Amino acid sequence: MPRTRQELEQAAADAEAWLDSLDPATVPAEDTSDLREIGLALGELVNQQKRLDEAVVAARRNGRSWGEIGLVLGISKQAARERYGQLVNR
């Protein structure tokens, strides 16, 4: 499973491109709506991850501690710092 934002974005784009490339003339008629739904959900996940990243960066810029951020995320302050620290330090 893709982990980074870039990997998620690439997986969503790859899935969408593959689904769009299916030619009904050469591929047996098959309902691919379930697969397309996975791709759409992955795209939404990417967007929500961006939103979460931006919210964490904003919280740090507003003086929130890693402990406070970790509490909201349900993780330790160390885990929050390890996961989001690079975003804050850009």
PDB file of N, CA and C in Angstrom:
ATOM      1  N   MET A   1       0.847  -1.187   0.000  1.00  0.00           N
ATOM      2  CA  MET A   1       0.000   0.000   0.000  1.00  0.00           C
ATOM      3  C   MET A   1       0.880   1.232   0.000  1.00  0.00           C
ATOM      4  N   PRO A   2       0.584   2.181  -0.856  1.00  0.00           N
ATOM      5  CA  PRO A   2       1.361   3.425  -0.876  1.00  0.00           C
ATOM      6  C   PRO A   2       1.284   4.129   0.477  1.00  0.00           C
ATOM      7  N   ARG A   3       2.374   4.758   0.873  1.00  0.00           N
ATOM      8  CA  ARG A   3       2.420   5.406   2.179  1.00  0.00           C
ATOM      9  C   ARG A   3       2.575   6.917   2.079  1.00  0.00           C
ATOM     10  N   THR A   4       3.475   7.372   1.215  1.00  0.00           N
ATOM     11  CA  THR A   4       3.718   8.802   1.144  1.00  0.00           C
ATOM     12  C   THR A   4       2.661   9.470   0.280  1.00  0.00           C
ATOM     13  N   ARG A   5       2.554  10.774   0.420  1.00  0.00           N
ATOM     14  CA  ARG A   5       1.581  11.527  -0.382  1.00  0.00           C
ATOM     15  C   ARG A   5       1.872  11.335  -1.862  1.00  0.00           C
ATOM     16  N   GLN A   6       3.131  11.371  -2.243  1.00  0.00           N
ATOM     17  CA  GLN A   6       3.494  11.206  -3.649  1.00  0.00           C
ATOM     18  C   GLN A   6       3.119   9.808  -4.143  1.00  0.00           C
ATOM     19  N   GLU A   7       3.340   8.785  -3.322  1.00  0.00           N
ATOM     20  CA  GLU A   7       2.974   7.428  -3.715  1.00  0.00           C
ATOM     21  C   GLU A   7       1.462   7.293  -3.851  1.00  0.00           C
ATOM     22  N   LEU A   8       0.718   7.918  -2.941  1.00  0.00           N
ATOM     23  CA  LEU A   8      -0.745   7.878  -3.031  1.00  0.00           C
ATOM     24  C   LEU A   8      -1.243   8.585  -4.281  1.00  0.00           C
ATOM     25  N   GLU A   9      -0.682   9.765  -4.559  1.00  0.00           N
ATOM     26  CA  GLU A   9      -1.085  10.510  -5.751  1.00  0.00           C
ATOM     27  C   GLU A   9      -0.781   9.707  -7.013  1.00  0.00           C
ATOM     28  N   GLN A  10       0.401   9.071  -7.051  1.00  0.00           N
ATOM     29  CA  GLN A  10       0.783   8.296  -8.232  1.00  0.00           C
ATOM     30  C   GLN A  10      -0.123   7.077  -8.395  1.00  0.00           C
ATOM     31  N   ALA A  11      -0.438   6.398  -7.292  1.00  0.00           N
ATOM     32  CA  ALA A  11      -1.314   5.224  -7.359  1.00  0.00           C
ATOM     33  C   ALA A  11      -2.702   5.616  -7.857  1.00  0.00           C
ATOM     34  N   ALA A  12      -3.223   6.738  -7.377  1.00  0.00           N
ATOM     35  CA  ALA A  12      -4.541   7.194  -7.829  1.00  0.00           C
ATOM     36  C   ALA A  12      -4.509   7.535  -9.312  1.00  0.00           C
ATOM     37  N   ALA A  13      -3.471   8.219  -9.746  1.00  0.00           N
ATOM     38  CA  ALA A  13      -3.355   8.587 -11.162  1.00  0.00           C
ATOM     39  C   ALA A  13      -3.194   7.346 -12.030  1.00  0.00           C
ATOM     40  N   ASP A  14      -2.391   6.390 -11.592  1.00  0.00           N
ATOM     41  CA  ASP A  14      -2.184   5.151 -12.351  1.00  0.00           C
ATOM     42  C   ASP A  14      -3.484   4.366 -12.480  1.00  0.00           C
ATOM     43  N   ALA A  15      -4.239   4.275 -11.383  1.00  0.00           N
ATOM     44  CA  ALA A  15      -5.495   3.528 -11.414  1.00  0.00           C
ATOM     45  C   ALA A  15      -6.489   4.191 -12.358  1.00  0.00           C
ATOM     46  N   GLU A  16      -6.582   5.505 -12.286  1.00  0.00           N
ATOM     47  CA  GLU A  16      -7.516   6.232 -13.154  1.00  0.00           C
ATOM     48  C   GLU A  16      -7.125   6.068 -14.622  1.00  0.00           C
ATOM     49  N   ALA A  17      -5.825   6.163 -14.905  1.00  0.00           N
ATOM     50  CA  ALA A  17      -5.352   6.007 -16.285  1.00  0.00           C
ATOM     51  C   ALA A  17      -5.643   4.597 -16.801  1.00  0.00           C
ATOM     52  N   TRP A  18      -5.419   3.594 -15.974  1.00  0.00           N
ATOM     53  CA  TRP A  18      -5.676   2.210 -16.382  1.00  0.00           C
ATOM     54  C   TRP A  18      -7.159   2.010 -16.674  1.00  0.00           C
ATOM     55  N   LEU A  19      -8.011   2.490 -15.783  1.00  0.00           N
ATOM     56  CA  LEU A  19      -9.447   2.335 -15.997  1.00  0.00           C
ATOM     57  C   LEU A  19      -9.910   3.071 -17.253  1.00  0.00           C
ATOM     58  N   ASP A  20      -9.339   4.246 -17.499  1.00  0.00           N
ATOM     59  CA  ASP A  20      -9.706   4.999 -18.690  1.00  0.00           C
ATOM     60  C   ASP A  20      -9.206   4.330 -19.965  1.00  0.00           C
ATOM     61  N   SER A  21      -8.138   3.527 -19.856  1.00  0.00           N
ATOM     62  CA  SER A  21      -7.566   2.891 -21.040  1.00  0.00           C
ATOM     63  C   SER A  21      -8.319   1.644 -21.477  1.00  0.00           C
ATOM     64  N   LEU A  22      -9.194   1.135 -20.644  1.00  0.00           N
ATOM     65  CA  LEU A  22      -9.939  -0.070 -21.014  1.00  0.00           C
ATOM     66  C   LEU A  22     -10.850   0.222 -22.194  1.00  0.00           C
ATOM     67  N   ASP A  23     -10.705  -0.561 -23.225  1.00  0.00           N
ATOM     68  CA  ASP A  23     -11.481  -0.386 -24.454  1.00  0.00           C
ATOM     69  C   ASP A  23     -12.612  -1.397 -24.475  1.00  0.00           C
ATOM     70  N   PRO A  24     -13.845  -0.927 -24.440  1.00  0.00           N
ATOM     71  CA  PRO A  24     -14.982  -1.855 -24.441  1.00  0.00           C
ATOM     72  C   PRO A  24     -14.992  -2.771 -25.662  1.00  0.00           C
ATOM     73  N   ALA A  25     -14.345  -2.366 -26.753  1.00  0.00           N
ATOM     74  CA  ALA A  25     -14.325  -3.194 -27.959  1.00  0.00           C
ATOM     75  C   ALA A  25     -13.414  -4.401 -27.795  1.00  0.00           C
ATOM     76  N   THR A  26     -12.423  -4.319 -26.925  1.00  0.00           N
ATOM     77  CA  THR A  26     -11.468  -5.419 -26.769  1.00  0.00           C
ATOM     78  C   THR A  26     -11.541  -6.087 -25.397  1.00  0.00           C
ATOM     79  N   VAL A  27     -12.153  -5.426 -24.454  1.00  0.00           N
ATOM     80  CA  VAL A  27     -12.287  -5.983 -23.108  1.00  0.00           C
ATOM     81  C   VAL A  27     -13.732  -6.449 -22.944  1.00  0.00           C
ATOM     82  N   PRO A  28     -13.912  -7.669 -22.487  1.00  0.00           N
ATOM     83  CA  PRO A  28     -15.288  -8.139 -22.295  1.00  0.00           C
ATOM     84  C   PRO A  28     -16.074  -7.177 -21.399  1.00  0.00           C
ATOM     85  N   ALA A  29     -17.340  -7.037 -21.722  1.00  0.00           N
ATOM     86  CA  ALA A  29     -18.187  -6.137 -20.945  1.00  0.00           C
ATOM     87  C   ALA A  29     -18.157  -6.565 -19.481  1.00  0.00           C
ATOM     88  N   GLU A  30     -17.698  -5.652 -18.672  1.00  0.00           N
ATOM     89  CA  GLU A  30     -17.573  -5.945 -17.251  1.00  0.00           C
ATOM     90  C   GLU A  30     -17.793  -4.644 -16.493  1.00  0.00           C
ATOM     91  N   ASP A  31     -18.487  -4.739 -15.419  1.00  0.00           N
ATOM     92  CA  ASP A  31     -18.727  -3.558 -14.587  1.00  0.00           C
ATOM     93  C   ASP A  31     -17.484  -3.310 -13.734  1.00  0.00           C
ATOM     94  N   THR A  32     -16.800  -2.222 -14.009  1.00  0.00           N
ATOM     95  CA  THR A  32     -15.587  -1.879 -13.256  1.00  0.00           C
ATOM     96  C   THR A  32     -15.850  -0.765 -12.246  1.00  0.00           C
ATOM     97  N   SER A  33     -17.120  -0.523 -11.950  1.00  0.00           N
ATOM     98  CA  SER A  33     -17.438   0.571 -11.036  1.00  0.00           C
ATOM     99  C   SER A  33     -16.837   0.351  -9.652  1.00  0.00           C
ATOM    100  N   ASP A  34     -16.701  -0.900  -9.242  1.00  0.00           N
ATOM    101  CA  ASP A  34     -16.099  -1.153  -7.940  1.00  0.00           C
ATOM    102  C   ASP A  34     -14.623  -0.749  -7.921  1.00  0.00           C
ATOM    103  N   LEU A  35     -13.931  -1.034  -9.019  1.00  0.00           N
ATOM    104  CA  LEU A  35     -12.524  -0.638  -9.104  1.00  0.00           C
ATOM    105  C   LEU A  35     -12.388   0.873  -9.218  1.00  0.00           C
ATOM    106  N   ARG A  36     -13.257   1.483  -9.981  1.00  0.00           N
ATOM    107  CA  ARG A  36     -13.225   2.939 -10.101  1.00  0.00           C
ATOM    108  C   ARG A  36     -13.490   3.592  -8.740  1.00  0.00           C
ATOM    109  N   GLU A  37     -14.377   2.995  -7.959  1.00  0.00           N
ATOM    110  CA  GLU A  37     -14.667   3.521  -6.618  1.00  0.00           C
ATOM    111  C   GLU A  37     -13.428   3.469  -5.731  1.00  0.00           C
ATOM    112  N   ILE A  38     -12.640   2.413  -5.858  1.00  0.00           N
ATOM    113  CA  ILE A  38     -11.384   2.341  -5.100  1.00  0.00           C
ATOM    114  C   ILE A  38     -10.466   3.482  -5.513  1.00  0.00           C
ATOM    115  N   GLY A  39     -10.354   3.718  -6.804  1.00  0.00           N
ATOM    116  CA  GLY A  39      -9.522   4.818  -7.290  1.00  0.00           C
ATOM    117  C   GLY A  39     -10.005   6.171  -6.796  1.00  0.00           C
ATOM    118  N   LEU A  40     -11.317   6.369  -6.812  1.00  0.00           N
ATOM    119  CA  LEU A  40     -11.873   7.628  -6.321  1.00  0.00           C
ATOM    120  C   LEU A  40     -11.621   7.797  -4.825  1.00  0.00           C
ATOM    121  N   ALA A  41     -11.792   6.708  -4.078  1.00  0.00           N
ATOM    122  CA  ALA A  41     -11.547   6.766  -2.635  1.00  0.00           C
ATOM    123  C   ALA A  41     -10.076   7.072  -2.357  1.00  0.00           C
ATOM    124  N   LEU A  42      -9.181   6.490  -3.151  1.00  0.00           N
ATOM    125  CA  LEU A  42      -7.756   6.763  -2.987  1.00  0.00           C
ATOM    126  C   LEU A  42      -7.464   8.229  -3.266  1.00  0.00           C
ATOM    127  N   GLY A  43      -8.085   8.780  -4.293  1.00  0.00           N
ATOM    128  CA  GLY A  43      -7.915  10.200  -4.593  1.00  0.00           C
ATOM    129  C   GLY A  43      -8.408  11.076  -3.450  1.00  0.00           C
ATOM    130  N   GLU A  44      -9.537  10.706  -2.853  1.00  0.00           N
ATOM    131  CA  GLU A  44     -10.056  11.453  -1.707  1.00  0.00           C
ATOM    132  C   GLU A  44      -9.112  11.336  -0.516  1.00  0.00           C
ATOM    133  N   LEU A  45      -8.536  10.152  -0.343  1.00  0.00           N
ATOM    134  CA  LEU A  45      -7.576   9.945   0.742  1.00  0.00           C
ATOM    135  C   LEU A  45      -6.371  10.859   0.579  1.00  0.00           C
ATOM    136  N   VAL A  46      -5.890  10.988  -0.652  1.00  0.00           N
ATOM    137  CA  VAL A  46      -4.770  11.889  -0.936  1.00  0.00           C
ATOM    138  C   VAL A  46      -5.141  13.313  -0.547  1.00  0.00           C
ATOM    139  N   ASN A  47      -6.330  13.759  -0.946  1.00  0.00           N
ATOM    140  CA  ASN A  47      -6.768  15.122  -0.628  1.00  0.00           C
ATOM    141  C   ASN A  47      -6.906  15.332   0.872  1.00  0.00           C
ATOM    142  N   GLN A  48      -7.439  14.347   1.574  1.00  0.00           N
ATOM    143  CA  GLN A  48      -7.598  14.467   3.017  1.00  0.00           C
ATOM    144  C   GLN A  48      -6.245  14.453   3.731  1.00  0.00           C
ATOM    145  N   GLN A  49      -5.292  13.678   3.202  1.00  0.00           N
ATOM    146  CA  GLN A  49      -3.951  13.666   3.790  1.00  0.00           C
ATOM    147  C   GLN A  49      -3.292  15.029   3.633  1.00  0.00           C
ATOM    148  N   LYS A  50      -3.474  15.651   2.472  1.00  0.00           N
ATOM    149  CA  LYS A  50      -2.954  17.008   2.270  1.00  0.00           C
ATOM    150  C   LYS A  50      -3.571  17.973   3.278  1.00  0.00           C
ATOM    151  N   ARG A  51      -4.873  17.843   3.484  1.00  0.00           N
ATOM    152  CA  ARG A  51      -5.574  18.711   4.438  1.00  0.00           C
ATOM    153  C   ARG A  51      -5.032  18.514   5.849  1.00  0.00           C
ATOM    154  N   LEU A  52      -4.820  17.257   6.233  1.00  0.00           N
ATOM    155  CA  LEU A  52      -4.280  16.968   7.555  1.00  0.00           C
ATOM    156  C   LEU A  52      -2.863  17.517   7.695  1.00  0.00           C
ATOM    157  N   ASP A  53      -2.042  17.318   6.670  1.00  0.00           N
ATOM    158  CA  ASP A  53      -0.677  17.857   6.688  1.00  0.00           C
ATOM    159  C   ASP A  53      -0.696  19.367   6.896  1.00  0.00           C
ATOM    160  N   GLU A  54      -1.552  20.044   6.152  1.00  0.00           N
ATOM    161  CA  GLU A  54      -1.643  21.502   6.254  1.00  0.00           C
ATOM    162  C   GLU A  54      -2.127  21.933   7.639  1.00  0.00           C
ATOM    163  N   ALA A  55      -3.045  21.183   8.223  1.00  0.00           N
ATOM    164  CA  ALA A  55      -3.558  21.512   9.551  1.00  0.00           C
ATOM    165  C   ALA A  55      -2.476  21.342  10.611  1.00  0.00           C
ATOM    166  N   VAL A  56      -1.673  20.303  10.489  1.00  0.00           N
ATOM    167  CA  VAL A  56      -0.581  20.090  11.447  1.00  0.00           C
ATOM    168  C   VAL A  56       0.444  21.206  11.325  1.00  0.00           C
ATOM    169  N   VAL A  57       0.801  21.567  10.103  1.00  0.00           N
ATOM    170  CA  VAL A  57       1.756  22.661   9.895  1.00  0.00           C
ATOM    171  C   VAL A  57       1.211  23.955  10.497  1.00  0.00           C
ATOM    172  N   ALA A  58      -0.054  24.236  10.267  1.00  0.00           N
ATOM    173  CA  ALA A  58      -0.667  25.451  10.815  1.00  0.00           C
ATOM    174  C   ALA A  58      -0.661  25.416  12.345  1.00  0.00           C
ATOM    175  N   ALA A  59      -0.955  24.267  12.927  1.00  0.00           N
ATOM    176  CA  ALA A  59      -0.966  24.153  14.385  1.00  0.00           C
ATOM    177  C   ALA A  59       0.417  24.425  14.963  1.00  0.00           C
ATOM    178  N   ARG A  60       1.437  23.886  14.325  1.00  0.00           N
ATOM    179  CA  ARG A  60       2.804  24.132  14.814  1.00  0.00           C
ATOM    180  C   ARG A  60       3.164  25.601  14.673  1.00  0.00           C
ATOM    181  N   ARG A  61       2.793  26.209  13.574  1.00  0.00           N
ATOM    182  CA  ARG A  61       3.092  27.633  13.368  1.00  0.00           C
ATOM    183  C   ARG A  61       2.332  28.508  14.361  1.00  0.00           C
ATOM    184  N   ASN A  62       1.221  27.993  14.884  1.00  0.00           N
ATOM    185  CA  ASN A  62       0.447  28.713  15.893  1.00  0.00           C
ATOM    186  C   ASN A  62       0.906  28.381  17.313  1.00  0.00           C
ATOM    187  N   GLY A  63       2.025  27.680  17.420  1.00  0.00           N
ATOM    188  CA  GLY A  63       2.617  27.422  18.728  1.00  0.00           C
ATOM    189  C   GLY A  63       2.155  26.166  19.434  1.00  0.00           C
ATOM    190  N   ARG A  64       1.413  25.318  18.768  1.00  0.00           N
ATOM    191  CA  ARG A  64       0.964  24.072  19.392  1.00  0.00           C
ATOM    192  C   ARG A  64       2.137  23.113  19.548  1.00  0.00           C
ATOM    193  N   SER A  65       2.149  22.397  20.656  1.00  0.00           N
ATOM    194  CA  SER A  65       3.226  21.442  20.919  1.00  0.00           C
ATOM    195  C   SER A  65       2.970  20.140  20.169  1.00  0.00           C
ATOM    196  N   TRP A  66       4.033  19.359  20.007  1.00  0.00           N
ATOM    197  CA  TRP A  66       3.869  18.037  19.401  1.00  0.00           C
ATOM    198  C   TRP A  66       2.994  17.168  20.287  1.00  0.00           C
ATOM    199  N   GLY A  67       3.039  17.387  21.596  1.00  0.00           N
ATOM    200  CA  GLY A  67       2.178  16.631  22.505  1.00  0.00           C
ATOM    201  C   GLY A  67       0.711  16.902  22.259  1.00  0.00           C
ATOM    202  N   GLU A  68       0.356  18.176  22.059  1.00  0.00           N
ATOM    203  CA  GLU A  68      -1.037  18.527  21.781  1.00  0.00           C
ATOM    204  C   GLU A  68      -1.483  17.944  20.443  1.00  0.00           C
ATOM    205  N   ILE A  69      -0.629  18.075  19.454  1.00  0.00           N
ATOM    206  CA  ILE A  69      -0.961  17.546  18.124  1.00  0.00           C
ATOM    207  C   ILE A  69      -1.100  16.033  18.182  1.00  0.00           C
ATOM    208  N   GLY A  70      -0.168  15.381  18.851  1.00  0.00           N
ATOM    209  CA  GLY A  70      -0.233  13.929  18.990  1.00  0.00           C
ATOM    210  C   GLY A  70      -1.498  13.473  19.696  1.00  0.00           C
ATOM    211  N   LEU A  71      -1.917  14.233  20.716  1.00  0.00           N
ATOM    212  CA  LEU A  71      -3.133  13.907  21.451  1.00  0.00           C
ATOM    213  C   LEU A  71      -4.348  13.892  20.525  1.00  0.00           C
ATOM    214  N   VAL A  72      -4.450  14.905  19.684  1.00  0.00           N
ATOM    215  CA  VAL A  72      -5.579  14.983  18.738  1.00  0.00           C
ATOM    216  C   VAL A  72      -5.505  13.846  17.717  1.00  0.00           C
ATOM    217  N   LEU A  73      -4.289  13.500  17.285  1.00  0.00           N
ATOM    218  CA  LEU A  73      -4.110  12.446  16.288  1.00  0.00           C
ATOM    219  C   LEU A  73      -4.215  11.043  16.890  1.00  0.00           C
ATOM    220  N   GLY A  74      -4.147  10.955  18.220  1.00  0.00           N
ATOM    221  CA  GLY A  74      -4.199   9.649  18.865  1.00  0.00           C
ATOM    222  C   GLY A  74      -2.872   8.914  18.809  1.00  0.00           C
ATOM    223  N   ILE A  75      -1.789   9.681  18.725  1.00  0.00           N
ATOM    224  CA  ILE A  75      -0.445   9.105  18.687  1.00  0.00           C
ATOM    225  C   ILE A  75       0.433   9.858  19.687  1.00  0.00           C
ATOM    226  N   SER A  76       1.620   9.359  19.915  1.00  0.00           N
ATOM    227  CA  SER A  76       2.528  10.021  20.846  1.00  0.00           C
ATOM    228  C   SER A  76       3.094  11.289  20.219  1.00  0.00           C
ATOM    229  N   LYS A  77       3.634  12.164  21.081  1.00  0.00           N
ATOM    230  CA  LYS A  77       4.247  13.385  20.558  1.00  0.00           C
ATOM    231  C   LYS A  77       5.447  13.047  19.678  1.00  0.00           C
ATOM    232  N   GLN A  78       6.172  12.000  20.040  1.00  0.00           N
ATOM    233  CA  GLN A  78       7.314  11.582  19.227  1.00  0.00           C
ATOM    234  C   GLN A  78       6.865  11.098  17.851  1.00  0.00           C
ATOM    235  N   ALA A  79       5.804  10.320  17.815  1.00  0.00           N
ATOM    236  CA  ALA A  79       5.286   9.822  16.532  1.00  0.00           C
ATOM    237  C   ALA A  79       4.794  10.985  15.671  1.00  0.00           C
ATOM    238  N   ALA A  80       4.132  11.966  16.303  1.00  0.00           N
ATOM    239  CA  ALA A  80       3.655  13.131  15.554  1.00  0.00           C
ATOM    240  C   ALA A  80       4.827  13.903  14.972  1.00  0.00           C
ATOM    241  N   ARG A  81       5.854  14.110  15.785  1.00  0.00           N
ATOM    242  CA  ARG A  81       7.037  14.844  15.321  1.00  0.00           C
ATOM    243  C   ARG A  81       7.746  14.089  14.198  1.00  0.00           C
ATOM    244  N   GLU A  82       7.862  12.781  14.346  1.00  0.00           N
ATOM    245  CA  GLU A  82       8.529  11.975  13.314  1.00  0.00           C
ATOM    246  C   GLU A  82       7.747  11.996  12.001  1.00  0.00           C
ATOM    247  N   ARG A  83       6.433  11.939  12.117  1.00  0.00           N
ATOM    248  CA  ARG A  83       5.604  11.878  10.904  1.00  0.00           C
ATOM    249  C   ARG A  83       5.488  13.220  10.198  1.00  0.00           C
ATOM    250  N   TYR A  84       5.374  14.311  10.961  1.00  0.00           N
ATOM    251  CA  TYR A  84       5.078  15.613  10.370  1.00  0.00           C
ATOM    252  C   TYR A  84       6.202  16.632  10.496  1.00  0.00           C
ATOM    253  N   GLY A  85       7.242  16.303  11.214  1.00  0.00           N
ATOM    254  CA  GLY A  85       8.319  17.260  11.456  1.00  0.00           C
ATOM    255  C   GLY A  85       8.950  17.824  10.195  1.00  0.00           C
ATOM    256  N   GLN A  86       9.130  16.989   9.199  1.00  0.00           N
ATOM    257  CA  GLN A  86       9.749  17.466   7.952  1.00  0.00           C
ATOM    258  C   GLN A  86       8.861  18.486   7.249  1.00  0.00           C
ATOM    259  N   LEU A  87       7.557  18.331   7.344  1.00  0.00           N
ATOM    260  CA  LEU A  87       6.644  19.292   6.719  1.00  0.00           C
ATOM    261  C   LEU A  87       6.753  20.657   7.383  1.00  0.00           C
ATOM    262  N   VAL A  88       6.898  20.644   8.689  1.00  0.00           N
ATOM    263  CA  VAL A  88       6.961  21.881   9.452  1.00  0.00           C
ATOM    264  C   VAL A  88       8.267  22.622   9.196  1.00  0.00           C
ATOM    265  N   ASN A  89       9.326  21.876   8.974  1.00  0.00           N
ATOM    266  CA  ASN A  89      10.652  22.463   8.813  1.00  0.00           C
ATOM    267  C   ASN A  89      10.970  22.902   7.386  1.00  0.00           C
ATOM    268  N   ARG A  90       9.999  22.864   6.508  1.00  0.00           N
ATOM    269  CA  ARG A  90      10.237  23.280   5.106  1.00  0.00           C
ATOM    270  C   ARG A  90      10.403  24.761   5.017  1.00  0.00           C
TER     271      ARG A  90
END
